[in-house]
């Protein structure tokens, strides 16, 4: 899959997610990379051989105070190779991209993994 095709999947996923959550994103860059870098692997506590599908890096809305000014954008990174590895078809890849993107956006809104999994299983 080319980078352009992967970028199109991300755009399609963004368009299909509930728009009230997308429009609420402020100062957030959504990017993709083939693999996480060493800093991202350490931040995610990723063990050797582990897969990281996506990563939110920033200060969640629930943790921002009055001093939250002049900061770099938060970043959501989707990892192309890992997402492709866990998907067996183009449609499954799209659904995984969409789910991972939603998961990382949920972190931006301050949800932890337990709450995200609880919402996913409803």
PDB file of N, CA and C in Angstrom:
ATOM      1  N   UNK A   1       0.850  -1.176   0.000  1.00  0.00           N
ATOM      2  CA  UNK A   1       0.000   0.000   0.000  1.00  0.00           C
ATOM      3  C   UNK A   1       0.893   1.235   0.000  1.00  0.00           C
ATOM      4  N   UNK A   2       0.583   2.164  -0.872  1.00  0.00           N
ATOM      5  CA  UNK A   2       1.373   3.386  -0.951  1.00  0.00           C
ATOM      6  C   UNK A   2       0.992   4.323   0.198  1.00  0.00           C
ATOM      7  N   UNK A   3       1.863   5.283   0.463  1.00  0.00           N
ATOM      8  CA  UNK A   3       1.562   6.277   1.481  1.00  0.00           C
ATOM      9  C   UNK A   3       0.314   7.074   1.112  1.00  0.00           C
ATOM     10  N   UNK A   4       0.150   7.365  -0.157  1.00  0.00           N
ATOM     11  CA  UNK A   4      -1.027   8.103  -0.612  1.00  0.00           C
ATOM     12  C   UNK A   4      -2.311   7.318  -0.345  1.00  0.00           C
ATOM     13  N   UNK A   5      -2.288   6.020  -0.607  1.00  0.00           N
ATOM     14  CA  UNK A   5      -3.456   5.177  -0.336  1.00  0.00           C
ATOM     15  C   UNK A   5      -3.761   5.108   1.162  1.00  0.00           C
ATOM     16  N   UNK A   6      -2.700   5.031   1.968  1.00  0.00           N
ATOM     17  CA  UNK A   6      -2.891   4.983   3.419  1.00  0.00           C
ATOM     18  C   UNK A   6      -3.457   6.306   3.918  1.00  0.00           C
ATOM     19  N   UNK A   7      -2.957   7.400   3.395  1.00  0.00           N
ATOM     20  CA  UNK A   7      -3.472   8.722   3.749  1.00  0.00           C
ATOM     21  C   UNK A   7      -4.958   8.830   3.399  1.00  0.00           C
ATOM     22  N   UNK A   8      -5.355   8.264   2.275  1.00  0.00           N
ATOM     23  CA  UNK A   8      -6.764   8.268   1.866  1.00  0.00           C
ATOM     24  C   UNK A   8      -7.614   7.469   2.863  1.00  0.00           C
ATOM     25  N   UNK A   9      -7.090   6.354   3.372  1.00  0.00           N
ATOM     26  CA  UNK A   9      -7.803   5.584   4.394  1.00  0.00           C
ATOM     27  C   UNK A   9      -8.024   6.415   5.652  1.00  0.00           C
ATOM     28  N   UNK A  10      -7.005   7.155   6.065  1.00  0.00           N
ATOM     29  CA  UNK A  10      -7.125   7.989   7.260  1.00  0.00           C
ATOM     30  C   UNK A  10      -8.185   9.063   7.037  1.00  0.00           C
ATOM     31  N   UNK A  11      -8.170   9.689   5.887  1.00  0.00           N
ATOM     32  CA  UNK A  11      -9.162  10.724   5.581  1.00  0.00           C
ATOM     33  C   UNK A  11     -10.560  10.130   5.584  1.00  0.00           C
ATOM     34  N   UNK A  12     -10.726   8.969   4.979  1.00  0.00           N
ATOM     35  CA  UNK A  12     -12.034   8.298   4.961  1.00  0.00           C
ATOM     36  C   UNK A  12     -12.494   7.967   6.384  1.00  0.00           C
ATOM     37  N   UNK A  13     -11.578   7.476   7.205  1.00  0.00           N
ATOM     38  CA  UNK A  13     -11.911   7.162   8.604  1.00  0.00           C
ATOM     39  C   UNK A  13     -12.323   8.426   9.348  1.00  0.00           C
ATOM     40  N   UNK A  14     -11.603   9.507   9.150  1.00  0.00           N
ATOM     41  CA  UNK A  14     -11.949  10.784   9.793  1.00  0.00           C
ATOM     42  C   UNK A  14     -13.356  11.219   9.393  1.00  0.00           C
ATOM     43  N   UNK A  15     -13.691  11.032   8.131  1.00  0.00           N
ATOM     44  CA  UNK A  15     -15.019  11.433   7.641  1.00  0.00           C
ATOM     45  C   UNK A  15     -16.132  10.564   8.201  1.00  0.00           C
ATOM     46  N   UNK A  16     -15.816   9.309   8.567  1.00  0.00           N
ATOM     47  CA  UNK A  16     -16.844   8.399   9.062  1.00  0.00           C
ATOM     48  C   UNK A  16     -16.999   8.411  10.584  1.00  0.00           C
ATOM     49  N   UNK A  17     -16.032   8.974  11.283  1.00  0.00           N
ATOM     50  CA  UNK A  17     -16.151   9.072  12.739  1.00  0.00           C
ATOM     51  C   UNK A  17     -17.159  10.167  13.093  1.00  0.00           C
ATOM     52  N   UNK A  18     -17.773  10.095  14.282  1.00  0.00           N
ATOM     53  CA  UNK A  18     -18.723  11.152  14.672  1.00  0.00           C
ATOM     54  C   UNK A  18     -18.063  12.533  14.593  1.00  0.00           C
ATOM     55  N   UNK A  19     -18.645  13.393  13.792  1.00  0.00           N
ATOM     56  CA  UNK A  19     -18.009  14.669  13.489  1.00  0.00           C
ATOM     57  C   UNK A  19     -17.907  15.609  14.688  1.00  0.00           C
ATOM     58  N   UNK A  20     -18.758  15.439  15.695  1.00  0.00           N
ATOM     59  CA  UNK A  20     -18.641  16.312  16.865  1.00  0.00           C
ATOM     60  C   UNK A  20     -17.302  16.087  17.572  1.00  0.00           C
ATOM     61  N   UNK A  21     -16.761  14.881  17.487  1.00  0.00           N
ATOM     62  CA  UNK A  21     -15.463  14.613  18.096  1.00  0.00           C
ATOM     63  C   UNK A  21     -14.326  15.117  17.216  1.00  0.00           C
ATOM     64  N   UNK A  22     -14.506  15.030  15.926  1.00  0.00           N
ATOM     65  CA  UNK A  22     -13.484  15.507  14.987  1.00  0.00           C
ATOM     66  C   UNK A  22     -13.400  17.030  15.037  1.00  0.00           C
ATOM     67  N   UNK A  23     -14.547  17.703  15.024  1.00  0.00           N
ATOM     68  CA  UNK A  23     -14.556  19.168  15.043  1.00  0.00           C
ATOM     69  C   UNK A  23     -14.058  19.713  16.375  1.00  0.00           C
ATOM     70  N   UNK A  24     -14.108  18.898  17.432  1.00  0.00           N
ATOM     71  CA  UNK A  24     -13.613  19.322  18.735  1.00  0.00           C
ATOM     72  C   UNK A  24     -12.105  19.235  18.886  1.00  0.00           C
ATOM     73  N   UNK A  25     -11.441  18.624  17.916  1.00  0.00           N
ATOM     74  CA  UNK A  25      -9.980  18.511  17.983  1.00  0.00           C
ATOM     75  C   UNK A  25      -9.363  19.878  17.718  1.00  0.00           C
ATOM     76  N   UNK A  26      -8.593  20.351  18.664  1.00  0.00           N
ATOM     77  CA  UNK A  26      -7.915  21.635  18.490  1.00  0.00           C
ATOM     78  C   UNK A  26      -6.433  21.444  18.753  1.00  0.00           C
ATOM     79  N   UNK A  27      -5.625  21.966  17.872  1.00  0.00           N
ATOM     80  CA  UNK A  27      -4.181  21.916  18.024  1.00  0.00           C
ATOM     81  C   UNK A  27      -3.688  20.463  18.066  1.00  0.00           C
ATOM     82  N   UNK A  28      -4.216  19.650  17.146  1.00  0.00           N
ATOM     83  CA  UNK A  28      -3.839  18.234  17.064  1.00  0.00           C
ATOM     84  C   UNK A  28      -3.408  17.916  15.631  1.00  0.00           C
ATOM     85  N   UNK A  29      -2.233  17.358  15.490  1.00  0.00           N
ATOM     86  CA  UNK A  29      -1.760  16.884  14.185  1.00  0.00           C
ATOM     87  C   UNK A  29      -2.016  15.383  14.110  1.00  0.00           C
ATOM     88  N   UNK A  30      -2.614  14.953  13.012  1.00  0.00           N
ATOM     89  CA  UNK A  30      -2.820  13.523  12.782  1.00  0.00           C
ATOM     90  C   UNK A  30      -1.881  13.119  11.655  1.00  0.00           C
ATOM     91  N   UNK A  31      -0.952  12.218  11.985  1.00  0.00           N
ATOM     92  CA  UNK A  31       0.086  11.831  11.040  1.00  0.00           C
ATOM     93  C   UNK A  31       0.195  10.308  11.018  1.00  0.00           C
ATOM     94  N   UNK A  32       1.014   9.803  10.129  1.00  0.00           N
ATOM     95  CA  UNK A  32       1.292   8.374  10.110  1.00  0.00           C
ATOM     96  C   UNK A  32       2.773   8.170   9.864  1.00  0.00           C
ATOM     97  N   UNK A  33       3.230   7.014  10.300  1.00  0.00           N
ATOM     98  CA  UNK A  33       4.620   6.609  10.097  1.00  0.00           C
ATOM     99  C   UNK A  33       4.614   5.110   9.833  1.00  0.00           C
ATOM    100  N   UNK A  34       5.662   4.637   9.209  1.00  0.00           N
ATOM    101  CA  UNK A  34       5.755   3.199   8.975  1.00  0.00           C
ATOM    102  C   UNK A  34       5.853   2.449  10.297  1.00  0.00           C
ATOM    103  N   UNK A  35       6.720   2.910  11.173  1.00  0.00           N
ATOM    104  CA  UNK A  35       6.989   2.260  12.465  1.00  0.00           C
ATOM    105  C   UNK A  35       7.194   3.341  13.526  1.00  0.00           C
ATOM    106  N   UNK A  36       6.979   3.012  14.801  1.00  0.00           N
ATOM    107  CA  UNK A  36       7.292   3.984  15.848  1.00  0.00           C
ATOM    108  C   UNK A  36       8.801   4.177  15.978  1.00  0.00           C
ATOM    109  N   UNK A  37       9.201   5.405  16.326  1.00  0.00           N
ATOM    110  CA  UNK A  37      10.619   5.638  16.584  1.00  0.00           C
ATOM    111  C   UNK A  37      10.944   5.193  18.020  1.00  0.00           C
ATOM    112  N   UNK A  38      12.191   5.278  18.402  1.00  0.00           N
ATOM    113  CA  UNK A  38      12.613   4.789  19.724  1.00  0.00           C
ATOM    114  C   UNK A  38      11.906   5.534  20.851  1.00  0.00           C
ATOM    115  N   UNK A  39      11.740   6.846  20.702  1.00  0.00           N
ATOM    116  CA  UNK A  39      11.054   7.640  21.719  1.00  0.00           C
ATOM    117  C   UNK A  39       9.603   7.178  21.869  1.00  0.00           C
ATOM    118  N   UNK A  40       8.929   6.949  20.766  1.00  0.00           N
ATOM    119  CA  UNK A  40       7.539   6.483  20.804  1.00  0.00           C
ATOM    120  C   UNK A  40       7.444   5.078  21.399  1.00  0.00           C
ATOM    121  N   UNK A  41       8.382   4.223  21.059  1.00  0.00           N
ATOM    122  CA  UNK A  41       8.386   2.862  21.618  1.00  0.00           C
ATOM    123  C   UNK A  41       8.542   2.920  23.140  1.00  0.00           C
ATOM    124  N   UNK A  42       9.435   3.785  23.615  1.00  0.00           N
ATOM    125  CA  UNK A  42       9.650   3.917  25.058  1.00  0.00           C
ATOM    126  C   UNK A  42       8.422   4.514  25.731  1.00  0.00           C
ATOM    127  N   UNK A  43       7.837   5.541  25.136  1.00  0.00           N
ATOM    128  CA  UNK A  43       6.657   6.187  25.714  1.00  0.00           C
ATOM    129  C   UNK A  43       5.503   5.195  25.848  1.00  0.00           C
ATOM    130  N   UNK A  44       5.366   4.304  24.878  1.00  0.00           N
ATOM    131  CA  UNK A  44       4.278   3.318  24.888  1.00  0.00           C
ATOM    132  C   UNK A  44       4.650   2.060  25.674  1.00  0.00           C
ATOM    133  N   UNK A  45       5.862   2.030  26.231  1.00  0.00           N
ATOM    134  CA  UNK A  45       6.321   0.856  26.970  1.00  0.00           C
ATOM    135  C   UNK A  45       6.272  -0.397  26.105  1.00  0.00           C
ATOM    136  N   UNK A  46       6.621  -0.244  24.851  1.00  0.00           N
ATOM    137  CA  UNK A  46       6.529  -1.333  23.884  1.00  0.00           C
ATOM    138  C   UNK A  46       7.728  -2.258  24.016  1.00  0.00           C
ATOM    139  N   UNK A  47       7.455  -3.522  24.245  1.00  0.00           N
ATOM    140  CA  UNK A  47       8.505  -4.529  24.362  1.00  0.00           C
ATOM    141  C   UNK A  47       8.975  -4.943  22.969  1.00  0.00           C
ATOM    142  N   UNK A  48      10.161  -5.520  22.914  1.00  0.00           N
ATOM    143  CA  UNK A  48      10.708  -5.993  21.638  1.00  0.00           C
ATOM    144  C   UNK A  48       9.721  -6.959  20.980  1.00  0.00           C
ATOM    145  N   UNK A  49       9.412  -6.715  19.728  1.00  0.00           N
ATOM    146  CA  UNK A  49       8.487  -7.568  18.994  1.00  0.00           C
ATOM    147  C   UNK A  49       7.023  -7.167  19.147  1.00  0.00           C
ATOM    148  N   UNK A  50       6.747  -6.211  20.038  1.00  0.00           N
ATOM    149  CA  UNK A  50       5.368  -5.762  20.232  1.00  0.00           C
ATOM    150  C   UNK A  50       4.908  -4.865  19.103  1.00  0.00           C
ATOM    151  N   UNK A  51       3.605  -4.801  18.934  1.00  0.00           N
ATOM    152  CA  UNK A  51       3.022  -3.955  17.889  1.00  0.00           C
ATOM    153  C   UNK A  51       2.363  -2.741  18.513  1.00  0.00           C
ATOM    154  N   UNK A  52       2.566  -1.603  17.893  1.00  0.00           N
ATOM    155  CA  UNK A  52       1.904  -0.368  18.290  1.00  0.00           C
ATOM    156  C   UNK A  52       1.136   0.130  17.074  1.00  0.00           C
ATOM    157  N   UNK A  53      -0.184   0.178  17.196  1.00  0.00           N
ATOM    158  CA  UNK A  53      -1.027   0.581  16.070  1.00  0.00           C
ATOM    159  C   UNK A  53      -1.156   2.095  15.968  1.00  0.00           C
ATOM    160  N   UNK A  54      -1.206   2.752  17.115  1.00  0.00           N
ATOM    161  CA  UNK A  54      -1.348   4.199  17.132  1.00  0.00           C
ATOM    162  C   UNK A  54      -0.861   4.749  18.455  1.00  0.00           C
ATOM    163  N   UNK A  55      -0.616   6.058  18.489  1.00  0.00           N
ATOM    164  CA  UNK A  55      -0.118   6.685  19.704  1.00  0.00           C
ATOM    165  C   UNK A  55      -0.585   8.128  19.765  1.00  0.00           C
ATOM    166  N   UNK A  56      -1.144   8.494  20.920  1.00  0.00           N
ATOM    167  CA  UNK A  56      -1.490   9.895  21.197  1.00  0.00           C
ATOM    168  C   UNK A  56      -0.372  10.478  22.043  1.00  0.00           C
ATOM    169  N   UNK A  57       0.177  11.592  21.608  1.00  0.00           N
ATOM    170  CA  UNK A  57       1.202  12.299  22.359  1.00  0.00           C
ATOM    171  C   UNK A  57       0.728  13.729  22.578  1.00  0.00           C
ATOM    172  N   UNK A  58       0.509  14.073  23.828  1.00  0.00           N
ATOM    173  CA  UNK A  58       0.062  15.417  24.124  1.00  0.00           C
ATOM    174  C   UNK A  58      -0.525  15.513  25.509  1.00  0.00           C
ATOM    175  N   UNK A  59      -1.255  16.583  25.739  1.00  0.00           N
ATOM    176  CA  UNK A  59      -1.902  16.825  27.019  1.00  0.00           C
ATOM    177  C   UNK A  59      -3.406  16.704  26.797  1.00  0.00           C
ATOM    178  N   UNK A  60      -4.043  15.683  27.391  1.00  0.00           N
ATOM    179  CA  UNK A  60      -5.486  15.504  27.199  1.00  0.00           C
ATOM    180  C   UNK A  60      -6.271  16.735  27.673  1.00  0.00           C
ATOM    181  N   UNK A  61      -7.416  16.946  27.089  1.00  0.00           N
ATOM    182  CA  UNK A  61      -8.255  18.089  27.460  1.00  0.00           C
ATOM    183  C   UNK A  61      -8.520  18.134  28.957  1.00  0.00           C
ATOM    184  N   UNK A  62      -8.701  16.984  29.573  1.00  0.00           N
ATOM    185  CA  UNK A  62      -9.022  16.926  31.000  1.00  0.00           C
ATOM    186  C   UNK A  62      -7.849  17.327  31.893  1.00  0.00           C
ATOM    187  N   UNK A  63      -6.656  17.435  31.339  1.00  0.00           N
ATOM    188  CA  UNK A  63      -5.469  17.788  32.127  1.00  0.00           C
ATOM    189  C   UNK A  63      -4.975  19.205  31.843  1.00  0.00           C
ATOM    190  N   UNK A  64      -5.653  19.910  30.965  1.00  0.00           N
ATOM    191  CA  UNK A  64      -5.211  21.251  30.599  1.00  0.00           C
ATOM    192  C   UNK A  64      -5.752  22.262  31.600  1.00  0.00           C
ATOM    193  N   UNK A  65      -4.881  23.152  31.995  1.00  0.00           N
ATOM    194  CA  UNK A  65      -5.279  24.197  32.928  1.00  0.00           C
ATOM    195  C   UNK A  65      -5.150  25.563  32.295  1.00  0.00           C
ATOM    196  N   UNK A  66      -5.213  26.574  33.138  1.00  0.00           N
ATOM    197  CA  UNK A  66      -5.146  27.964  32.663  1.00  0.00           C
ATOM    198  C   UNK A  66      -3.809  28.262  31.991  1.00  0.00           C
ATOM    199  N   UNK A  67      -2.766  27.523  32.362  1.00  0.00           N
ATOM    200  CA  UNK A  67      -1.449  27.765  31.790  1.00  0.00           C
ATOM    201  C   UNK A  67      -1.208  27.083  30.459  1.00  0.00           C
ATOM    202  N   UNK A  68      -2.246  26.501  29.893  1.00  0.00           N
ATOM    203  CA  UNK A  68      -2.082  25.789  28.621  1.00  0.00           C
ATOM    204  C   UNK A  68      -2.102  26.795  27.470  1.00  0.00           C
ATOM    205  N   UNK A  69      -0.951  27.377  27.207  1.00  0.00           N
ATOM    206  CA  UNK A  69      -0.813  28.325  26.098  1.00  0.00           C
ATOM    207  C   UNK A  69       0.554  28.126  25.458  1.00  0.00           C
ATOM    208  N   UNK A  70       0.650  28.501  24.201  1.00  0.00           N
ATOM    209  CA  UNK A  70       1.912  28.461  23.463  1.00  0.00           C
ATOM    210  C   UNK A  70       2.582  27.085  23.516  1.00  0.00           C
ATOM    211  N   UNK A  71       1.793  26.049  23.307  1.00  0.00           N
ATOM    212  CA  UNK A  71       2.327  24.689  23.309  1.00  0.00           C
ATOM    213  C   UNK A  71       2.321  24.135  21.891  1.00  0.00           C
ATOM    214  N   UNK A  72       3.198  23.200  21.661  1.00  0.00           N
ATOM    215  CA  UNK A  72       3.209  22.524  20.365  1.00  0.00           C
ATOM    216  C   UNK A  72       1.933  21.712  20.218  1.00  0.00           C
ATOM    217  N   UNK A  73       1.526  21.431  18.992  1.00  0.00           N
ATOM    218  CA  UNK A  73       0.307  20.619  18.811  1.00  0.00           C
ATOM    219  C   UNK A  73       0.467  19.226  19.406  1.00  0.00           C
ATOM    220  N   UNK A  74      -0.644  18.692  19.903  1.00  0.00           N
ATOM    221  CA  UNK A  74      -0.686  17.278  20.255  1.00  0.00           C
ATOM    222  C   UNK A  74      -0.520  16.509  18.951  1.00  0.00           C
ATOM    223  N   UNK A  75      -0.157  15.236  19.077  1.00  0.00           N
ATOM    224  CA  UNK A  75       0.057  14.442  17.862  1.00  0.00           C
ATOM    225  C   UNK A  75      -0.557  13.065  18.032  1.00  0.00           C
ATOM    226  N   UNK A  76      -1.297  12.655  17.019  1.00  0.00           N
ATOM    227  CA  UNK A  76      -1.793  11.289  16.909  1.00  0.00           C
ATOM    228  C   UNK A  76      -1.064  10.666  15.728  1.00  0.00           C
ATOM    229  N   UNK A  77      -0.369   9.574  15.997  1.00  0.00           N
ATOM    230  CA  UNK A  77       0.363   8.878  14.936  1.00  0.00           C
ATOM    231  C   UNK A  77      -0.243   7.497  14.737  1.00  0.00           C
ATOM    232  N   UNK A  78      -0.536   7.170  13.500  1.00  0.00           N
ATOM    233  CA  UNK A  78      -0.967   5.818  13.130  1.00  0.00           C
ATOM    234  C   UNK A  78       0.218   5.122  12.478  1.00  0.00           C
ATOM    235  N   UNK A  79       0.445   3.865  12.847  1.00  0.00           N
ATOM    236  CA  UNK A  79       1.614   3.139  12.355  1.00  0.00           C
ATOM    237  C   UNK A  79       1.199   2.148  11.272  1.00  0.00           C
ATOM    238  N   UNK A  80       1.548   2.515  10.063  1.00  0.00           N
ATOM    239  CA  UNK A  80       1.108   1.812   8.862  1.00  0.00           C
ATOM    240  C   UNK A  80       1.459   0.326   8.853  1.00  0.00           C
ATOM    241  N   UNK A  81       2.701  -0.027   9.114  1.00  0.00           N
ATOM    242  CA  UNK A  81       3.100  -1.434   9.006  1.00  0.00           C
ATOM    243  C   UNK A  81       2.379  -2.314  10.016  1.00  0.00           C
ATOM    244  N   UNK A  82       2.243  -1.853  11.258  1.00  0.00           N
ATOM    245  CA  UNK A  82       1.540  -2.635  12.276  1.00  0.00           C
ATOM    246  C   UNK A  82       0.070  -2.797  11.913  1.00  0.00           C
ATOM    247  N   UNK A  83      -0.549  -1.732  11.447  1.00  0.00           N
ATOM    248  CA  UNK A  83      -1.959  -1.814  11.054  1.00  0.00           C
ATOM    249  C   UNK A  83      -2.145  -2.792   9.899  1.00  0.00           C
ATOM    250  N   UNK A  84      -1.228  -2.773   8.953  1.00  0.00           N
ATOM    251  CA  UNK A  84      -1.317  -3.708   7.833  1.00  0.00           C
ATOM    252  C   UNK A  84      -1.090  -5.143   8.306  1.00  0.00           C
ATOM    253  N   UNK A  85      -0.215  -5.311   9.298  1.00  0.00           N
ATOM    254  CA  UNK A  85       0.115  -6.644   9.786  1.00  0.00           C
ATOM    255  C   UNK A  85      -1.084  -7.315  10.459  1.00  0.00           C
ATOM    256  N   UNK A  86      -1.938  -6.543  11.123  1.00  0.00           N
ATOM    257  CA  UNK A  86      -3.075  -7.129  11.845  1.00  0.00           C
ATOM    258  C   UNK A  86      -4.337  -7.193  10.995  1.00  0.00           C
ATOM    259  N   UNK A  87      -4.223  -6.845   9.727  1.00  0.00           N
ATOM    260  CA  UNK A  87      -5.387  -6.819   8.836  1.00  0.00           C
ATOM    261  C   UNK A  87      -5.199  -7.803   7.700  1.00  0.00           C
ATOM    262  N   UNK A  88      -6.271  -8.530   7.374  1.00  0.00           N
ATOM    263  CA  UNK A  88      -6.157  -9.545   6.329  1.00  0.00           C
ATOM    264  C   UNK A  88      -6.842  -9.151   5.027  1.00  0.00           C
ATOM    265  N   UNK A  89      -7.454  -7.966   5.002  1.00  0.00           N
ATOM    266  CA  UNK A  89      -8.115  -7.506   3.777  1.00  0.00           C
ATOM    267  C   UNK A  89      -8.133  -5.978   3.775  1.00  0.00           C
ATOM    268  N   UNK A  90      -8.351  -5.381   2.617  1.00  0.00           N
ATOM    269  CA  UNK A  90      -8.436  -3.919   2.573  1.00  0.00           C
ATOM    270  C   UNK A  90      -9.531  -3.355   3.479  1.00  0.00           C
ATOM    271  N   UNK A  91     -10.684  -4.015   3.540  1.00  0.00           N
ATOM    272  CA  UNK A  91     -11.772  -3.519   4.397  1.00  0.00           C
ATOM    273  C   UNK A  91     -11.406  -3.663   5.868  1.00  0.00           C
ATOM    274  N   UNK A  92     -10.759  -4.762   6.217  1.00  0.00           N
ATOM    275  CA  UNK A  92     -10.330  -4.938   7.603  1.00  0.00           C
ATOM    276  C   UNK A  92      -9.278  -3.893   7.979  1.00  0.00           C
ATOM    277  N   UNK A  93      -8.390  -3.560   7.043  1.00  0.00           N
ATOM    278  CA  UNK A  93      -7.398  -2.513   7.285  1.00  0.00           C
ATOM    279  C   UNK A  93      -8.105  -1.186   7.544  1.00  0.00           C
ATOM    280  N   UNK A  94      -9.080  -0.853   6.719  1.00  0.00           N
ATOM    281  CA  UNK A  94      -9.811   0.392   6.925  1.00  0.00           C
ATOM    282  C   UNK A  94     -10.476   0.416   8.300  1.00  0.00           C
ATOM    283  N   UNK A  95     -11.136  -0.677   8.670  1.00  0.00           N
ATOM    284  CA  UNK A  95     -11.815  -0.723   9.969  1.00  0.00           C
ATOM    285  C   UNK A  95     -10.809  -0.599  11.119  1.00  0.00           C
ATOM    286  N   UNK A  96      -9.637  -1.179  10.959  1.00  0.00           N
ATOM    287  CA  UNK A  96      -8.602  -1.088  11.997  1.00  0.00           C
ATOM    288  C   UNK A  96      -8.061   0.334  12.086  1.00  0.00           C
ATOM    289  N   UNK A  97      -7.869   0.990  10.942  1.00  0.00           N
ATOM    290  CA  UNK A  97      -7.424   2.387  10.943  1.00  0.00           C
ATOM    291  C   UNK A  97      -8.467   3.245  11.659  1.00  0.00           C
ATOM    292  N   UNK A  98      -9.715   3.043  11.336  1.00  0.00           N
ATOM    293  CA  UNK A  98     -10.807   3.825  11.931  1.00  0.00           C
ATOM    294  C   UNK A  98     -10.874   3.597  13.439  1.00  0.00           C
ATOM    295  N   UNK A  99     -10.786   2.352  13.853  1.00  0.00           N
ATOM    296  CA  UNK A  99     -10.849   2.019  15.284  1.00  0.00           C
ATOM    297  C   UNK A  99      -9.649   2.599  16.037  1.00  0.00           C
ATOM    298  N   UNK A 100      -8.470   2.495  15.455  1.00  0.00           N
ATOM    299  CA  UNK A 100      -7.263   3.017  16.094  1.00  0.00           C
ATOM    300  C   UNK A 100      -7.320   4.534  16.183  1.00  0.00           C
ATOM    301  N   UNK A 101      -7.776   5.170  15.129  1.00  0.00           N
ATOM    302  CA  UNK A 101      -7.910   6.623  15.137  1.00  0.00           C
ATOM    303  C   UNK A 101      -8.884   7.055  16.230  1.00  0.00           C
ATOM    304  N   UNK A 102     -10.035   6.374  16.323  1.00  0.00           N
ATOM    305  CA  UNK A 102     -11.011   6.696  17.372  1.00  0.00           C
ATOM    306  C   UNK A 102     -10.381   6.518  18.749  1.00  0.00           C
ATOM    307  N   UNK A 103      -9.633   5.438  18.925  1.00  0.00           N
ATOM    308  CA  UNK A 103      -8.984   5.137  20.198  1.00  0.00           C
ATOM    309  C   UNK A 103      -8.043   6.277  20.609  1.00  0.00           C
ATOM    310  N   UNK A 104      -7.236   6.742  19.678  1.00  0.00           N
ATOM    311  CA  UNK A 104      -6.272   7.805  19.978  1.00  0.00           C
ATOM    312  C   UNK A 104      -6.978   9.141  20.209  1.00  0.00           C
ATOM    313  N   UNK A 105      -8.039   9.414  19.475  1.00  0.00           N
ATOM    314  CA  UNK A 105      -8.821  10.631  19.701  1.00  0.00           C
ATOM    315  C   UNK A 105      -9.455  10.581  21.097  1.00  0.00           C
ATOM    316  N   UNK A 106      -9.882   9.394  21.524  1.00  0.00           N
ATOM    317  CA  UNK A 106     -10.454   9.242  22.866  1.00  0.00           C
ATOM    318  C   UNK A 106      -9.427   9.632  23.934  1.00  0.00           C
ATOM    319  N   UNK A 107      -8.151   9.321  23.718  1.00  0.00           N
ATOM    320  CA  UNK A 107      -7.113   9.741  24.663  1.00  0.00           C
ATOM    321  C   UNK A 107      -7.017  11.265  24.710  1.00  0.00           C
ATOM    322  N   UNK A 108      -7.160  11.924  23.565  1.00  0.00           N
ATOM    323  CA  UNK A 108      -7.149  13.385  23.522  1.00  0.00           C
ATOM    324  C   UNK A 108      -8.248  13.949  24.428  1.00  0.00           C
ATOM    325  N   UNK A 109      -9.408  13.292  24.441  1.00  0.00           N
ATOM    326  CA  UNK A 109     -10.519  13.738  25.270  1.00  0.00           C
ATOM    327  C   UNK A 109     -10.391  13.278  26.720  1.00  0.00           C
ATOM    328  N   UNK A 110      -9.309  12.586  27.054  1.00  0.00           N
ATOM    329  CA  UNK A 110      -9.030  12.239  28.432  1.00  0.00           C
ATOM    330  C   UNK A 110      -9.458  10.851  28.863  1.00  0.00           C
ATOM    331  N   UNK A 111      -9.915  10.018  27.943  1.00  0.00           N
ATOM    332  CA  UNK A 111     -10.332   8.666  28.306  1.00  0.00           C
ATOM    333  C   UNK A 111      -9.108   7.766  28.466  1.00  0.00           C
ATOM    334  N   UNK A 112      -9.138   6.919  29.485  1.00  0.00           N
ATOM    335  CA  UNK A 112      -8.060   5.959  29.671  1.00  0.00           C
ATOM    336  C   UNK A 112      -8.432   4.647  28.970  1.00  0.00           C
ATOM    337  N   UNK A 113      -7.507   3.707  28.944  1.00  0.00           N
ATOM    338  CA  UNK A 113      -7.737   2.451  28.212  1.00  0.00           C
ATOM    339  C   UNK A 113      -8.944   1.679  28.734  1.00  0.00           C
ATOM    340  N   UNK A 114      -9.133   1.650  30.048  1.00  0.00           N
ATOM    341  CA  UNK A 114     -10.278   0.921  30.590  1.00  0.00           C
ATOM    342  C   UNK A 114     -11.593   1.494  30.075  1.00  0.00           C
ATOM    343  N   UNK A 115     -11.712   2.819  30.095  1.00  0.00           N
ATOM    344  CA  UNK A 115     -12.953   3.460  29.643  1.00  0.00           C
ATOM    345  C   UNK A 115     -13.142   3.278  28.132  1.00  0.00           C
ATOM    346  N   UNK A 116     -12.069   3.350  27.381  1.00  0.00           N
ATOM    347  CA  UNK A 116     -12.161   3.149  25.932  1.00  0.00           C
ATOM    348  C   UNK A 116     -12.660   1.748  25.631  1.00  0.00           C
ATOM    349  N   UNK A 117     -12.084   0.749  26.285  1.00  0.00           N
ATOM    350  CA  UNK A 117     -12.508  -0.635  26.051  1.00  0.00           C
ATOM    351  C   UNK A 117     -13.958  -0.857  26.487  1.00  0.00           C
ATOM    352  N   UNK A 118     -14.336  -0.209  27.574  1.00  0.00           N
ATOM    353  CA  UNK A 118     -15.720  -0.305  28.032  1.00  0.00           C
ATOM    354  C   UNK A 118     -16.676   0.249  26.961  1.00  0.00           C
ATOM    355  N   UNK A 119     -16.342   1.383  26.386  1.00  0.00           N
ATOM    356  CA  UNK A 119     -17.186   1.986  25.342  1.00  0.00           C
ATOM    357  C   UNK A 119     -17.193   1.136  24.067  1.00  0.00           C
ATOM    358  N   UNK A 120     -16.052   0.553  23.733  1.00  0.00           N
ATOM    359  CA  UNK A 120     -15.977  -0.287  22.533  1.00  0.00           C
ATOM    360  C   UNK A 120     -16.833  -1.539  22.672  1.00  0.00           C
ATOM    361  N   UNK A 121     -17.008  -2.024  23.890  1.00  0.00           N
ATOM    362  CA  UNK A 121     -17.746  -3.270  24.105  1.00  0.00           C
ATOM    363  C   UNK A 121     -19.232  -3.061  24.383  1.00  0.00           C
ATOM    364  N   UNK A 122     -19.703  -1.843  24.265  1.00  0.00           N
ATOM    365  CA  UNK A 122     -21.133  -1.584  24.477  1.00  0.00           C
ATOM    366  C   UNK A 122     -21.933  -1.983  23.281  1.00  0.00           C
TER     367      UNK A 122
END
